[in-house]
């Protein structure tokens, strides 16, 4: 559920919605509210947007699966190092 941008928390990954010439749409990357404005969560780069709404960022299922696979590969590698 979308919430008014005035209620957006600081320090959390958020999905934000903007209205531009093409109409309303959500950004495809997570952002964080900061005292300086909105920043990309991954890079901390300022994003020049005037969002209207927000909701918690929810990682896509494919991204979750990729993260799980990376974690499994790392755990396997560490286990092999300790066994060897």
PDB file of N, CA and C in Angstrom:
ATOM      1  N   UNK A   1       0.846  -1.177   0.000  1.00  0.00           N
ATOM      2  CA  UNK A   1       0.000   0.000   0.000  1.00  0.00           C
ATOM      3  C   UNK A   1       0.896   1.247   0.000  1.00  0.00           C
ATOM      4  N   UNK A   2       0.631   2.144  -0.904  1.00  0.00           N
ATOM      5  CA  UNK A   2       1.382   3.392  -1.004  1.00  0.00           C
ATOM      6  C   UNK A   2       0.989   4.342   0.112  1.00  0.00           C
ATOM      7  N   UNK A   3       1.985   5.080   0.611  1.00  0.00           N
ATOM      8  CA  UNK A   3       1.762   6.046   1.689  1.00  0.00           C
ATOM      9  C   UNK A   3       2.237   7.420   1.225  1.00  0.00           C
ATOM     10  N   UNK A   4       1.707   8.494   1.806  1.00  0.00           N
ATOM     11  CA  UNK A   4       2.131   9.842   1.411  1.00  0.00           C
ATOM     12  C   UNK A   4       3.620  10.052   1.686  1.00  0.00           C
ATOM     13  N   UNK A   5       4.286  10.745   0.788  1.00  0.00           N
ATOM     14  CA  UNK A   5       5.724  10.944   0.901  1.00  0.00           C
ATOM     15  C   UNK A   5       6.099  11.706   2.170  1.00  0.00           C
ATOM     16  N   UNK A   6       5.205  12.510   2.690  1.00  0.00           N
ATOM     17  CA  UNK A   6       5.492  13.264   3.909  1.00  0.00           C
ATOM     18  C   UNK A   6       5.696  12.356   5.114  1.00  0.00           C
ATOM     19  N   UNK A   7       5.221  11.118   5.020  1.00  0.00           N
ATOM     20  CA  UNK A   7       5.354  10.153   6.119  1.00  0.00           C
ATOM     21  C   UNK A   7       6.515   9.183   5.917  1.00  0.00           C
ATOM     22  N   UNK A   8       7.336   9.394   4.888  1.00  0.00           N
ATOM     23  CA  UNK A   8       8.435   8.476   4.593  1.00  0.00           C
ATOM     24  C   UNK A   8       9.487   8.520   5.700  1.00  0.00           C
ATOM     25  N   UNK A   9       9.921   7.355   6.173  1.00  0.00           N
ATOM     26  CA  UNK A   9      10.947   7.308   7.229  1.00  0.00           C
ATOM     27  C   UNK A   9      12.345   7.551   6.664  1.00  0.00           C
ATOM     28  N   UNK A  10      13.239   7.961   7.511  1.00  0.00           N
ATOM     29  CA  UNK A  10      14.646   8.101   7.156  1.00  0.00           C
ATOM     30  C   UNK A  10      15.346   6.767   7.403  1.00  0.00           C
ATOM     31  N   UNK A  11      16.393   6.486   6.615  1.00  0.00           N
ATOM     32  CA  UNK A  11      17.250   5.337   6.894  1.00  0.00           C
ATOM     33  C   UNK A  11      16.681   3.979   6.552  1.00  0.00           C
ATOM     34  N   UNK A  12      15.701   3.911   5.650  1.00  0.00           N
ATOM     35  CA  UNK A  12      15.117   2.630   5.240  1.00  0.00           C
ATOM     36  C   UNK A  12      15.080   2.560   3.726  1.00  0.00           C
ATOM     37  N   UNK A  13      15.274   1.362   3.174  1.00  0.00           N
ATOM     38  CA  UNK A  13      15.125   1.177   1.735  1.00  0.00           C
ATOM     39  C   UNK A  13      13.645   1.287   1.385  1.00  0.00           C
ATOM     40  N   UNK A  14      13.351   2.195   0.455  1.00  0.00           N
ATOM     41  CA  UNK A  14      11.968   2.451   0.076  1.00  0.00           C
ATOM     42  C   UNK A  14      11.795   2.417  -1.435  1.00  0.00           C
ATOM     43  N   UNK A  15      10.618   2.033  -1.851  1.00  0.00           N
ATOM     44  CA  UNK A  15      10.212   2.191  -3.245  1.00  0.00           C
ATOM     45  C   UNK A  15       9.458   3.513  -3.292  1.00  0.00           C
ATOM     46  N   UNK A  16       9.873   4.404  -4.178  1.00  0.00           N
ATOM     47  CA  UNK A  16       9.206   5.699  -4.245  1.00  0.00           C
ATOM     48  C   UNK A  16       8.564   5.885  -5.610  1.00  0.00           C
ATOM     49  N   UNK A  17       7.458   6.612  -5.622  1.00  0.00           N
ATOM     50  CA  UNK A  17       6.717   6.889  -6.846  1.00  0.00           C
ATOM     51  C   UNK A  17       6.833   8.365  -7.191  1.00  0.00           C
ATOM     52  N   UNK A  18       6.981   8.623  -8.480  1.00  0.00           N
ATOM     53  CA  UNK A  18       7.070   9.993  -8.979  1.00  0.00           C
ATOM     54  C   UNK A  18       6.027  10.188 -10.072  1.00  0.00           C
ATOM     55  N   UNK A  19       5.719  11.437 -10.323  1.00  0.00           N
ATOM     56  CA  UNK A  19       4.839  11.776 -11.437  1.00  0.00           C
ATOM     57  C   UNK A  19       5.650  12.651 -12.374  1.00  0.00           C
ATOM     58  N   UNK A  20       5.795  12.183 -13.625  1.00  0.00           N
ATOM     59  CA  UNK A  20       6.528  12.976 -14.609  1.00  0.00           C
ATOM     60  C   UNK A  20       5.668  13.120 -15.865  1.00  0.00           C
ATOM     61  N   UNK A  21       6.280  13.477 -16.966  1.00  0.00           N
ATOM     62  CA  UNK A  21       5.538  13.679 -18.204  1.00  0.00           C
ATOM     63  C   UNK A  21       4.803  12.454 -18.694  1.00  0.00           C
ATOM     64  N   UNK A  22       5.270  11.266 -18.296  1.00  0.00           N
ATOM     65  CA  UNK A  22       4.626  10.010 -18.689  1.00  0.00           C
ATOM     66  C   UNK A  22       3.569   9.555 -17.690  1.00  0.00           C
ATOM     67  N   UNK A  23       3.370  10.320 -16.617  1.00  0.00           N
ATOM     68  CA  UNK A  23       2.410   9.945 -15.595  1.00  0.00           C
ATOM     69  C   UNK A  23       3.102   9.382 -14.368  1.00  0.00           C
ATOM     70  N   UNK A  24       2.350   8.758 -13.461  1.00  0.00           N
ATOM     71  CA  UNK A  24       2.946   8.217 -12.232  1.00  0.00           C
ATOM     72  C   UNK A  24       3.644   6.886 -12.486  1.00  0.00           C
ATOM     73  N   UNK A  25       4.788   6.697 -11.842  1.00  0.00           N
ATOM     74  CA  UNK A  25       5.477   5.408 -11.901  1.00  0.00           C
ATOM     75  C   UNK A  25       6.464   5.315 -10.742  1.00  0.00           C
ATOM     76  N   UNK A  26       6.821   4.076 -10.413  1.00  0.00           N
ATOM     77  CA  UNK A  26       7.765   3.820  -9.325  1.00  0.00           C
ATOM     78  C   UNK A  26       9.175   3.723  -9.887  1.00  0.00           C
ATOM     79  N   UNK A  27      10.155   4.168  -9.116  1.00  0.00           N
ATOM     80  CA  UNK A  27      11.545   3.991  -9.508  1.00  0.00           C
ATOM     81  C   UNK A  27      11.908   2.516  -9.405  1.00  0.00           C
ATOM     82  N   UNK A  28      12.867   2.074 -10.214  1.00  0.00           N
ATOM     83  CA  UNK A  28      13.196   0.645 -10.281  1.00  0.00           C
ATOM     84  C   UNK A  28      14.305   0.246  -9.318  1.00  0.00           C
ATOM     85  N   UNK A  29      14.760   1.168  -8.492  1.00  0.00           N
ATOM     86  CA  UNK A  29      15.815   0.887  -7.524  1.00  0.00           C
ATOM     87  C   UNK A  29      15.402   1.448  -6.175  1.00  0.00           C
ATOM     88  N   UNK A  30      15.890   0.845  -5.081  1.00  0.00           N
ATOM     89  CA  UNK A  30      15.522   1.338  -3.754  1.00  0.00           C
ATOM     90  C   UNK A  30      16.198   2.672  -3.450  1.00  0.00           C
ATOM     91  N   UNK A  31      15.480   3.518  -2.730  1.00  0.00           N
ATOM     92  CA  UNK A  31      15.988   4.827  -2.318  1.00  0.00           C
ATOM     93  C   UNK A  31      15.856   4.975  -0.814  1.00  0.00           C
ATOM     94  N   UNK A  32      16.623   5.918  -0.292  1.00  0.00           N
ATOM     95  CA  UNK A  32      16.534   6.265   1.127  1.00  0.00           C
ATOM     96  C   UNK A  32      16.341   7.765   1.251  1.00  0.00           C
ATOM     97  N   UNK A  33      15.528   8.141   2.195  1.00  0.00           N
ATOM     98  CA  UNK A  33      15.331   9.551   2.499  1.00  0.00           C
ATOM     99  C   UNK A  33      16.492  10.007   3.380  1.00  0.00           C
ATOM    100  N   UNK A  34      17.083  11.135   3.021  1.00  0.00           N
ATOM    101  CA  UNK A  34      18.170  11.688   3.821  1.00  0.00           C
ATOM    102  C   UNK A  34      17.900  13.172   4.046  1.00  0.00           C
ATOM    103  N   UNK A  35      18.678  13.788   4.911  1.00  0.00           N
ATOM    104  CA  UNK A  35      18.514  15.223   5.144  1.00  0.00           C
ATOM    105  C   UNK A  35      18.808  16.031   3.889  1.00  0.00           C
ATOM    106  N   UNK A  36      19.646  15.481   2.996  1.00  0.00           N
ATOM    107  CA  UNK A  36      20.007  16.169   1.755  1.00  0.00           C
ATOM    108  C   UNK A  36      18.996  15.926   0.636  1.00  0.00           C
ATOM    109  N   UNK A  37      18.106  14.961   0.821  1.00  0.00           N
ATOM    110  CA  UNK A  37      17.133  14.602  -0.207  1.00  0.00           C
ATOM    111  C   UNK A  37      17.060  13.096  -0.354  1.00  0.00           C
ATOM    112  N   UNK A  38      16.701  12.630  -1.533  1.00  0.00           N
ATOM    113  CA  UNK A  38      16.582  11.199  -1.801  1.00  0.00           C
ATOM    114  C   UNK A  38      17.866  10.684  -2.416  1.00  0.00           C
ATOM    115  N   UNK A  39      18.320   9.524  -1.936  1.00  0.00           N
ATOM    116  CA  UNK A  39      19.544   8.919  -2.446  1.00  0.00           C
ATOM    117  C   UNK A  39      19.287   7.469  -2.838  1.00  0.00           C
ATOM    118  N   UNK A  40      20.063   6.990  -3.830  1.00  0.00           N
ATOM    119  CA  UNK A  40      20.017   5.568  -4.189  1.00  0.00           C
ATOM    120  C   UNK A  40      20.588   4.778  -3.023  1.00  0.00           C
ATOM    121  N   UNK A  41      19.912   3.742  -2.611  1.00  0.00           N
ATOM    122  CA  UNK A  41      20.358   2.950  -1.462  1.00  0.00           C
ATOM    123  C   UNK A  41      21.730   2.336  -1.682  1.00  0.00           C
ATOM    124  N   UNK A  42      21.999   1.806  -2.879  1.00  0.00           N
ATOM    125  CA  UNK A  42      23.248   1.090  -3.132  1.00  0.00           C
ATOM    126  C   UNK A  42      24.448   2.019  -3.209  1.00  0.00           C
ATOM    127  N   UNK A  43      24.273   3.204  -3.814  1.00  0.00           N
ATOM    128  CA  UNK A  43      25.414   4.073  -4.120  1.00  0.00           C
ATOM    129  C   UNK A  43      25.473   5.336  -3.280  1.00  0.00           C
ATOM    130  N   UNK A  44      24.397   5.671  -2.616  1.00  0.00           N
ATOM    131  CA  UNK A  44      24.273   6.909  -1.835  1.00  0.00           C
ATOM    132  C   UNK A  44      24.328   8.164  -2.716  1.00  0.00           C
ATOM    133  N   UNK A  45      24.131   8.001  -4.030  1.00  0.00           N
ATOM    134  CA  UNK A  45      24.066   9.142  -4.941  1.00  0.00           C
ATOM    135  C   UNK A  45      22.727   9.847  -4.769  1.00  0.00           C
ATOM    136  N   UNK A  46      22.765  11.188  -4.793  1.00  0.00           N
ATOM    137  CA  UNK A  46      21.521  11.936  -4.754  1.00  0.00           C
ATOM    138  C   UNK A  46      20.714  11.655  -6.012  1.00  0.00           C
ATOM    139  N   UNK A  47      19.408  11.536  -5.852  1.00  0.00           N
ATOM    140  CA  UNK A  47      18.499  11.319  -6.970  1.00  0.00           C
ATOM    141  C   UNK A  47      17.630  12.565  -7.082  1.00  0.00           C
ATOM    142  N   UNK A  48      17.619  13.169  -8.259  1.00  0.00           N
ATOM    143  CA  UNK A  48      16.872  14.401  -8.476  1.00  0.00           C
ATOM    144  C   UNK A  48      15.414  14.073  -8.803  1.00  0.00           C
ATOM    145  N   UNK A  49      14.635  13.815  -7.752  1.00  0.00           N
ATOM    146  CA  UNK A  49      13.224  13.462  -7.907  1.00  0.00           C
ATOM    147  C   UNK A  49      12.386  14.205  -6.875  1.00  0.00           C
ATOM    148  N   UNK A  50      11.129  14.304  -7.185  1.00  0.00           N
ATOM    149  CA  UNK A  50      10.141  14.845  -6.237  1.00  0.00           C
ATOM    150  C   UNK A  50       9.045  13.802  -6.089  1.00  0.00           C
ATOM    151  N   UNK A  51       9.297  12.787  -5.273  1.00  0.00           N
ATOM    152  CA  UNK A  51       8.328  11.699  -5.147  1.00  0.00           C
ATOM    153  C   UNK A  51       7.045  12.152  -4.463  1.00  0.00           C
ATOM    154  N   UNK A  52       5.986  11.405  -4.739  1.00  0.00           N
ATOM    155  CA  UNK A  52       4.684  11.703  -4.154  1.00  0.00           C
ATOM    156  C   UNK A  52       4.236  10.656  -3.144  1.00  0.00           C
ATOM    157  N   UNK A  53       4.726   9.408  -3.306  1.00  0.00           N
ATOM    158  CA  UNK A  53       4.309   8.312  -2.441  1.00  0.00           C
ATOM    159  C   UNK A  53       5.477   7.357  -2.227  1.00  0.00           C
ATOM    160  N   UNK A  54       5.344   6.510  -1.208  1.00  0.00           N
ATOM    161  CA  UNK A  54       6.376   5.519  -0.903  1.00  0.00           C
ATOM    162  C   UNK A  54       5.735   4.266  -0.330  1.00  0.00           C
ATOM    163  N   UNK A  55       6.519   3.190  -0.365  1.00  0.00           N
ATOM    164  CA  UNK A  55       6.173   1.941   0.326  1.00  0.00           C
ATOM    165  C   UNK A  55       7.486   1.220   0.593  1.00  0.00           C
ATOM    166  N   UNK A  56       7.503   0.270   1.506  1.00  0.00           N
ATOM    167  CA  UNK A  56       8.747  -0.457   1.778  1.00  0.00           C
ATOM    168  C   UNK A  56       9.257  -1.142   0.516  1.00  0.00           C
ATOM    169  N   UNK A  57      10.570  -1.138   0.334  1.00  0.00           N
ATOM    170  CA  UNK A  57      11.173  -1.833  -0.807  1.00  0.00           C
ATOM    171  C   UNK A  57      11.106  -3.319  -0.543  1.00  0.00           C
ATOM    172  N   UNK A  58      10.578  -4.056  -1.497  1.00  0.00           N
ATOM    173  CA  UNK A  58      10.537  -5.509  -1.387  1.00  0.00           C
ATOM    174  C   UNK A  58      11.365  -6.077  -2.515  1.00  0.00           C
ATOM    175  N   UNK A  59      12.403  -6.812  -2.155  1.00  0.00           N
ATOM    176  CA  UNK A  59      13.292  -7.408  -3.136  1.00  0.00           C
ATOM    177  C   UNK A  59      12.517  -8.398  -3.996  1.00  0.00           C
ATOM    178  N   UNK A  60      12.787  -8.410  -5.295  1.00  0.00           N
ATOM    179  CA  UNK A  60      12.094  -9.331  -6.195  1.00  0.00           C
ATOM    180  C   UNK A  60      12.490 -10.772  -5.879  1.00  0.00           C
ATOM    181  N   UNK A  61      11.654 -11.706  -6.266  1.00  0.00           N
ATOM    182  CA  UNK A  61      11.940 -13.119  -6.018  1.00  0.00           C
ATOM    183  C   UNK A  61      13.223 -13.552  -6.722  1.00  0.00           C
ATOM    184  N   UNK A  62      13.458 -13.053  -7.950  1.00  0.00           N
ATOM    185  CA  UNK A  62      14.674 -13.457  -8.665  1.00  0.00           C
ATOM    186  C   UNK A  62      15.915 -12.917  -7.966  1.00  0.00           C
ATOM    187  N   UNK A  63      15.827 -11.706  -7.428  1.00  0.00           N
ATOM    188  CA  UNK A  63      16.968 -11.143  -6.702  1.00  0.00           C
ATOM    189  C   UNK A  63      17.204 -11.912  -5.400  1.00  0.00           C
ATOM    190  N   UNK A  64      16.132 -12.305  -4.732  1.00  0.00           N
ATOM    191  CA  UNK A  64      16.275 -13.096  -3.512  1.00  0.00           C
ATOM    192  C   UNK A  64      16.956 -14.426  -3.818  1.00  0.00           C
ATOM    193  N   UNK A  65      16.534 -15.074  -4.910  1.00  0.00           N
ATOM    194  CA  UNK A  65      17.107 -16.361  -5.280  1.00  0.00           C
ATOM    195  C   UNK A  65      18.578 -16.194  -5.639  1.00  0.00           C
ATOM    196  N   UNK A  66      18.933 -15.128  -6.350  1.00  0.00           N
ATOM    197  CA  UNK A  66      20.332 -14.888  -6.704  1.00  0.00           C
ATOM    198  C   UNK A  66      21.158 -14.680  -5.444  1.00  0.00           C
ATOM    199  N   UNK A  67      20.624 -13.934  -4.480  1.00  0.00           N
ATOM    200  CA  UNK A  67      21.317 -13.720  -3.208  1.00  0.00           C
ATOM    201  C   UNK A  67      21.483 -15.010  -2.444  1.00  0.00           C
ATOM    202  N   UNK A  68      20.446 -15.867  -2.460  1.00  0.00           N
ATOM    203  CA  UNK A  68      20.530 -17.160  -1.782  1.00  0.00           C
ATOM    204  C   UNK A  68      21.594 -18.034  -2.425  1.00  0.00           C
ATOM    205  N   UNK A  69      21.669 -18.012  -3.759  1.00  0.00           N
ATOM    206  CA  UNK A  69      22.670 -18.815  -4.465  1.00  0.00           C
ATOM    207  C   UNK A  69      24.075 -18.324  -4.155  1.00  0.00           C
ATOM    208  N   UNK A  70      24.268 -17.009  -4.089  1.00  0.00           N
ATOM    209  CA  UNK A  70      25.582 -16.455  -3.754  1.00  0.00           C
ATOM    210  C   UNK A  70      25.968 -16.838  -2.332  1.00  0.00           C
ATOM    211  N   UNK A  71      25.020 -16.763  -1.419  1.00  0.00           N
ATOM    212  CA  UNK A  71      25.290 -17.138  -0.037  1.00  0.00           C
ATOM    213  C   UNK A  71      25.645 -18.604   0.092  1.00  0.00           C
ATOM    214  N   UNK A  72      24.948 -19.457  -0.656  1.00  0.00           N
ATOM    215  CA  UNK A  72      25.240 -20.887  -0.641  1.00  0.00           C
ATOM    216  C   UNK A  72      26.634 -21.154  -1.209  1.00  0.00           C
ATOM    217  N   UNK A  73      26.994 -20.494  -2.303  1.00  0.00           N
ATOM    218  CA  UNK A  73      28.306 -20.679  -2.904  1.00  0.00           C
ATOM    219  C   UNK A  73      29.406 -20.242  -1.935  1.00  0.00           C
ATOM    220  N   UNK A  74      29.181 -19.125  -1.233  1.00  0.00           N
ATOM    221  CA  UNK A  74      30.180 -18.635  -0.277  1.00  0.00           C
ATOM    222  C   UNK A  74      30.320 -19.603   0.883  1.00  0.00           C
ATOM    223  N   UNK A  75      29.212 -20.113   1.394  1.00  0.00           N
ATOM    224  CA  UNK A  75      29.249 -21.056   2.510  1.00  0.00           C
ATOM    225  C   UNK A  75      29.977 -22.339   2.105  1.00  0.00           C
ATOM    226  N   UNK A  76      29.698 -22.801   0.884  1.00  0.00           N
ATOM    227  CA  UNK A  76      30.348 -24.015   0.379  1.00  0.00           C
ATOM    228  C   UNK A  76      31.854 -23.792   0.266  1.00  0.00           C
ATOM    229  N   UNK A  77      32.250 -22.642  -0.259  1.00  0.00           N
ATOM    230  CA  UNK A  77      33.669 -22.314  -0.401  1.00  0.00           C
ATOM    231  C   UNK A  77      34.367 -22.271   0.960  1.00  0.00           C
ATOM    232  N   UNK A  78      33.721 -21.649   1.924  1.00  0.00           N
ATOM    233  CA  UNK A  78      34.310 -21.564   3.271  1.00  0.00           C
ATOM    234  C   UNK A  78      34.425 -22.951   3.905  1.00  0.00           C
ATOM    235  N   UNK A  79      33.418 -23.775   3.675  1.00  0.00           N
ATOM    236  CA  UNK A  79      33.452 -25.135   4.224  1.00  0.00           C
ATOM    237  C   UNK A  79      34.590 -25.938   3.613  1.00  0.00           C
ATOM    238  N   UNK A  80      34.794 -25.781   2.301  1.00  0.00           N
ATOM    239  CA  UNK A  80      35.879 -26.496   1.621  1.00  0.00           C
ATOM    240  C   UNK A  80      37.235 -26.045   2.151  1.00  0.00           C
ATOM    241  N   UNK A  81      37.378 -24.756   2.456  1.00  0.00           N
ATOM    242  CA  UNK A  81      38.645 -24.233   2.977  1.00  0.00           C
ATOM    243  C   UNK A  81      38.941 -24.804   4.365  1.00  0.00           C
ATOM    244  N   UNK A  82      37.928 -24.944   5.189  1.00  0.00           N
ATOM    245  CA  UNK A  82      38.149 -25.458   6.539  1.00  0.00           C
ATOM    246  C   UNK A  82      38.352 -26.974   6.534  1.00  0.00           C
ATOM    247  N   UNK A  83      37.740 -27.665   5.560  1.00  0.00           N
ATOM    248  CA  UNK A  83      37.903 -29.120   5.451  1.00  0.00           C
ATOM    249  C   UNK A  83      39.256 -29.499   4.850  1.00  0.00           C
ATOM    250  N   UNK A  84      39.793 -28.611   3.979  1.00  0.00           N
ATOM    251  CA  UNK A  84      41.010 -28.927   3.224  1.00  0.00           C
ATOM    252  C   UNK A  84      42.238 -28.650   3.972  1.00  0.00           C
TER     253      UNK A  84
END
